[in-house]
Amino acid sequence: MNNDTKLTFIKEDPWRIFRIMAEFVDSFETLSQVGPGVTIFGSARMLPGDPHYQAAVELAKGLAKHNLAIITGGGPGIMEAANKGAGLAKGKSVGLNIELPHEQKGNRYANIPINFHYFFSRKVCFVKYSIAFVFMPGGFGTLDEFFEVLTLVQTQRIPEFPLILFGKEHWKGLLRWMKGRLEGSEFISPGDLDLFTVTDDPQEAINLILDYERRVGPPEIMPKAFA
């Protein structure tokens, strides 16, 4: 470590640690009061006229009517749709917004907004306070969240929460590749592709999540991620 590097650490890194701690403390304090939630991921670029946008509204509205908080990344597109659906049901609509140089701006439907500077602290909050995850069509961010949560379930770092891929046409190419390349080459174990469900039906997704909630019990005894 040269002198310039040491000087940068002394000046910047300790304060950066405090900022990271503050993000965790503030977000944990808020989300711990929200109750069980369902995180809905999807493209920030999805327009309101798209059928998947409307499906996200319907899905979130149906879940919120059963007292499940809806958690999103807080931005536009699918995130906005899910927060809107929760709001229409007069439910808890959480938006974990991230500071980005472009594309991401907080949507007006999140009635519990929380802002993040760091992706990793935001990711922890998605998982720590959710009992199910829905992945609508999206880009790199959605894929990143899907594989991260899937890996946590596969490695038993978190319980086998419902993981739902919404939009059969959107996901079919990836699923074919996973079946042929990953399972076919034995890079994953038999049964790993059964850790998630694929559907086009918002009500089916709602039923899967409500069935899981009934099986695991009331909120106070539900399994906690990263306990």
Protein backbone atom coordinates (compact mmCIF):
# COMPACT_ATOMS: atom_id res chain seq x y z
CA MET A 1 0.00 0.00 0.00
CA ASN A 2 1.61 3.26 -1.11
CA ASN A 3 1.32 6.55 0.76
CA ASP A 4 -1.40 7.94 -1.51
CA THR A 5 -3.53 4.84 -0.97
CA LYS A 6 -3.04 5.04 2.79
CA LEU A 7 -4.01 8.70 2.79
CA THR A 8 -7.19 7.97 0.79
CA PHE A 9 -8.16 5.23 3.26
CA ILE A 10 -7.55 7.46 6.26
CA LYS A 11 -9.61 10.28 4.76
CA GLU A 12 -12.47 8.40 3.09
CA ASP A 13 -12.97 4.76 4.01
CA PRO A 14 -13.82 5.05 7.73
CA TRP A 15 -16.51 7.60 6.90
CA ARG A 16 -17.78 5.35 4.11
CA ILE A 17 -18.21 2.56 6.69
CA PHE A 18 -20.35 4.87 8.81
CA ARG A 19 -22.49 5.71 5.79
CA ILE A 20 -23.01 2.01 5.09
CA MET A 21 -23.94 1.39 8.72
CA ALA A 22 -26.40 4.28 8.62
CA GLU A 23 -28.13 2.81 5.57
CA PHE A 24 -28.58 -0.51 7.32
CA VAL A 25 -29.74 1.03 10.59
CA ASP A 26 -32.28 3.35 8.97
CA SER A 27 -33.68 0.74 6.58
CA PHE A 28 -33.83 -2.05 9.19
CA GLU A 29 -35.62 0.23 11.62
CA THR A 30 -38.27 1.14 9.04
CA LEU A 31 -38.76 -2.26 7.44
CA SER A 32 -38.92 -4.16 10.72
CA GLN A 33 -42.23 -2.36 11.36
CA VAL A 34 -43.72 -3.21 7.96
CA GLY A 35 -44.55 -6.89 8.48
CA PRO A 36 -44.17 -9.71 5.96
CA GLY A 37 -43.59 -8.50 2.43
CA VAL A 38 -43.35 -9.69 -1.15
CA THR A 39 -40.67 -8.21 -3.39
CA ILE A 40 -41.59 -7.64 -7.02
CA PHE A 41 -38.75 -7.07 -9.48
CA GLY A 42 -38.98 -6.01 -13.11
CA SER A 43 -37.95 -3.55 -15.78
CA ALA A 44 -37.79 0.17 -15.05
CA ARG A 45 -38.54 0.70 -18.76
CA MET A 46 -41.90 -1.05 -18.85
CA LEU A 47 -44.63 1.32 -20.05
CA PRO A 48 -48.09 1.57 -18.44
CA GLY A 49 -49.77 0.25 -21.58
CA ASP A 50 -47.84 -3.04 -21.49
CA PRO A 51 -49.82 -6.09 -20.29
CA HIS A 52 -47.05 -6.93 -17.81
CA TYR A 53 -47.42 -3.50 -16.21
CA GLN A 54 -51.13 -4.17 -15.71
CA ALA A 55 -50.38 -7.66 -14.41
CA ALA A 56 -47.99 -6.21 -11.83
CA VAL A 57 -50.71 -3.80 -10.67
CA GLU A 58 -53.18 -6.67 -10.32
CA LEU A 59 -50.69 -8.94 -8.58
CA ALA A 60 -49.60 -6.33 -6.04
CA LYS A 61 -53.17 -5.25 -5.38
CA GLY A 62 -54.22 -8.84 -4.68
CA LEU A 63 -51.32 -9.44 -2.30
CA ALA A 64 -51.81 -6.15 -0.47
CA LYS A 65 -55.47 -7.04 0.16
CA HIS A 66 -54.12 -9.94 2.23
CA ASN A 67 -51.98 -7.61 4.35
CA LEU A 68 -48.71 -8.36 2.61
CA ALA A 69 -46.43 -5.38 2.10
CA ILE A 70 -45.27 -4.84 -1.47
CA ILE A 71 -41.56 -4.10 -1.81
CA THR A 72 -39.99 -2.82 -5.03
CA GLY A 73 -36.91 -0.98 -6.17
CA GLY A 74 -38.94 2.21 -5.97
CA GLY A 75 -38.42 3.31 -9.57
CA PRO A 76 -40.58 3.49 -12.71
CA GLY A 77 -41.93 0.69 -14.90
CA ILE A 78 -42.81 -2.57 -13.17
CA MET A 79 -41.72 -1.10 -9.84
CA GLU A 80 -44.18 1.75 -10.24
CA ALA A 81 -46.92 -0.70 -11.26
CA ALA A 82 -46.42 -2.85 -8.18
CA ASN A 83 -46.32 0.14 -5.84
CA LYS A 84 -49.46 1.46 -7.53
CA GLY A 85 -51.30 -1.83 -7.02
CA ALA A 86 -50.41 -1.86 -3.34
CA GLY A 87 -51.60 1.72 -3.00
CA LEU A 88 -54.91 0.95 -4.71
CA ALA A 89 -55.51 -1.73 -2.07
CA LYS A 90 -54.57 0.78 0.65
CA GLY A 91 -51.66 -1.46 1.58
CA LYS A 92 -48.05 -0.90 2.51
CA SER A 93 -46.15 0.12 -0.60
CA VAL A 94 -42.37 0.11 -0.04
CA GLY A 95 -39.92 1.61 -2.51
CA LEU A 96 -36.20 0.91 -1.98
CA ASN A 97 -34.87 3.53 -4.34
CA ILE A 98 -31.24 3.63 -5.48
CA GLU A 99 -29.24 6.67 -6.53
CA LEU A 100 -28.31 6.25 -10.21
CA PRO A 101 -26.95 8.75 -12.74
CA HIS A 102 -29.80 7.98 -15.14
CA GLU A 103 -33.04 6.04 -15.51
CA GLN A 104 -34.00 5.59 -11.85
CA LYS A 105 -36.27 8.11 -10.17
CA GLY A 106 -38.56 7.35 -7.27
CA ASN A 107 -42.19 6.72 -8.22
CA ARG A 108 -45.07 8.51 -6.49
CA TYR A 109 -46.91 5.35 -5.42
CA ALA A 110 -44.45 4.19 -2.75
CA ASN A 111 -45.94 5.29 0.57
CA ILE A 112 -42.88 3.96 2.45
CA PRO A 113 -39.89 5.27 0.46
CA ILE A 114 -36.33 4.44 1.54
CA ASN A 115 -33.31 5.78 -0.34
CA PHE A 116 -30.02 3.93 -0.80
CA HIS A 117 -26.59 4.88 -2.05
CA TYR A 118 -25.18 1.33 -2.03
CA PHE A 119 -26.59 -1.52 -4.08
CA PHE A 120 -25.50 -4.20 -1.62
CA SER A 121 -27.31 -2.74 1.40
CA ARG A 122 -30.44 -2.36 -0.72
CA LYS A 123 -30.17 -5.98 -1.83
CA VAL A 124 -30.01 -7.20 1.75
CA CYS A 125 -33.25 -5.37 2.51
CA PHE A 126 -35.05 -6.93 -0.45
CA VAL A 127 -34.33 -10.38 0.92
CA LYS A 128 -34.39 -9.83 4.68
CA TYR A 129 -37.98 -8.58 4.80
CA SER A 130 -39.66 -10.71 2.13
CA ILE A 131 -41.37 -14.09 2.24
CA ALA A 132 -41.72 -14.39 -1.56
CA PHE A 133 -40.22 -12.94 -4.73
CA VAL A 134 -41.79 -12.23 -8.12
CA PHE A 135 -39.59 -11.58 -11.14
CA MET A 136 -41.46 -9.81 -13.95
CA PRO A 137 -39.78 -9.28 -17.33
CA GLY A 138 -36.71 -7.10 -16.95
CA GLY A 139 -33.09 -6.55 -17.83
CA PHE A 140 -29.72 -7.01 -16.13
CA GLY A 141 -30.96 -5.83 -12.74
CA THR A 142 -33.84 -8.28 -12.69
CA LEU A 143 -31.58 -11.13 -13.79
CA ASP A 144 -29.07 -10.18 -11.12
CA GLU A 145 -31.71 -10.29 -8.39
CA PHE A 146 -33.20 -13.55 -9.67
CA PHE A 147 -29.91 -15.43 -9.69
CA GLU A 148 -28.81 -13.96 -6.38
CA VAL A 149 -32.01 -14.97 -4.57
CA LEU A 150 -32.09 -18.34 -6.35
CA THR A 151 -28.51 -19.01 -5.23
CA LEU A 152 -29.39 -18.13 -1.62
CA VAL A 153 -32.28 -20.62 -1.71
CA GLN A 154 -30.24 -23.31 -3.51
CA THR A 155 -27.43 -23.05 -0.95
CA GLN A 156 -29.96 -22.97 1.92
CA ARG A 157 -28.76 -19.59 3.14
CA ILE A 158 -32.42 -18.53 3.21
CA PRO A 159 -35.63 -20.61 3.41
CA GLU A 160 -37.23 -22.02 0.28
CA PHE A 161 -39.39 -18.97 -0.30
CA PRO A 162 -41.70 -18.89 -3.33
CA LEU A 163 -39.74 -17.66 -6.36
CA ILE A 164 -42.02 -16.81 -9.27
CA LEU A 165 -40.95 -15.99 -12.82
CA PHE A 166 -43.82 -14.08 -14.38
CA GLY A 167 -44.14 -14.14 -18.17
CA LYS A 168 -43.58 -17.50 -19.80
CA GLU A 169 -42.67 -16.09 -23.21
CA HIS A 170 -40.08 -13.73 -21.72
CA TRP A 171 -38.35 -16.40 -19.64
CA LYS A 172 -38.56 -19.43 -21.93
CA GLY A 173 -35.22 -18.89 -23.69
CA LEU A 174 -33.33 -18.59 -20.43
CA LEU A 175 -35.10 -21.63 -19.00
CA ARG A 176 -34.24 -23.68 -22.08
CA TRP A 177 -30.58 -22.68 -21.75
CA MET A 178 -30.56 -23.47 -18.02
CA LYS A 179 -32.09 -26.89 -18.69
CA GLY A 180 -29.70 -27.74 -21.51
CA ARG A 181 -26.47 -26.15 -20.37
CA LEU A 182 -26.58 -25.98 -16.59
CA GLU A 183 -28.56 -29.09 -15.75
CA GLY A 184 -27.35 -30.97 -18.82
CA SER A 185 -23.72 -30.33 -17.90
CA GLU A 186 -24.42 -31.10 -14.22
CA PHE A 187 -23.40 -27.61 -13.17
CA ILE A 188 -26.53 -27.58 -11.02
CA SER A 189 -28.18 -30.43 -9.13
CA PRO A 190 -31.32 -32.35 -10.09
CA GLY A 191 -34.30 -30.44 -8.71
CA ASP A 192 -32.64 -27.02 -8.72
CA LEU A 193 -34.89 -25.94 -11.59
CA ASP A 194 -37.89 -26.81 -9.41
CA LEU A 195 -36.98 -24.09 -6.92
CA PHE A 196 -39.04 -21.57 -8.90
CA THR A 197 -42.42 -21.44 -10.64
CA VAL A 198 -43.20 -19.92 -14.04
CA THR A 199 -46.63 -18.43 -14.68
CA ASP A 200 -48.63 -15.89 -16.69
CA ASP A 201 -51.45 -15.73 -14.16
CA PRO A 202 -51.41 -13.12 -11.36
CA GLN A 203 -53.92 -15.14 -9.34
CA GLU A 204 -51.77 -18.26 -9.52
CA ALA A 205 -48.84 -16.26 -8.17
CA ILE A 206 -51.01 -14.83 -5.40
CA ASN A 207 -52.28 -18.30 -4.46
CA LEU A 208 -48.75 -19.73 -4.31
CA ILE A 209 -47.62 -16.97 -1.97
CA LEU A 210 -50.70 -17.14 0.26
CA ASP A 211 -50.36 -20.92 0.49
CA TYR A 212 -46.75 -20.50 1.64
CA GLU A 213 -47.81 -17.91 4.21
CA ARG A 214 -50.47 -20.27 5.56
CA ARG A 215 -47.99 -23.15 5.80
CA VAL A 216 -45.28 -21.25 7.65
CA GLY A 217 -47.60 -19.59 10.15
CA PRO A 218 -48.25 -16.09 11.42
CA PRO A 219 -45.67 -13.30 10.94
CA GLU A 220 -44.08 -13.69 14.38
CA ILE A 221 -42.92 -17.25 13.62
CA MET A 222 -42.11 -16.89 9.93
CA PRO A 223 -38.57 -17.85 8.93
CA LYS A 224 -36.28 -14.82 8.72
CA ALA A 225 -33.64 -14.37 6.08
CA PHE A 226 -30.21 -13.45 7.40
CA ALA A 227 -31.36 -13.96 10.99
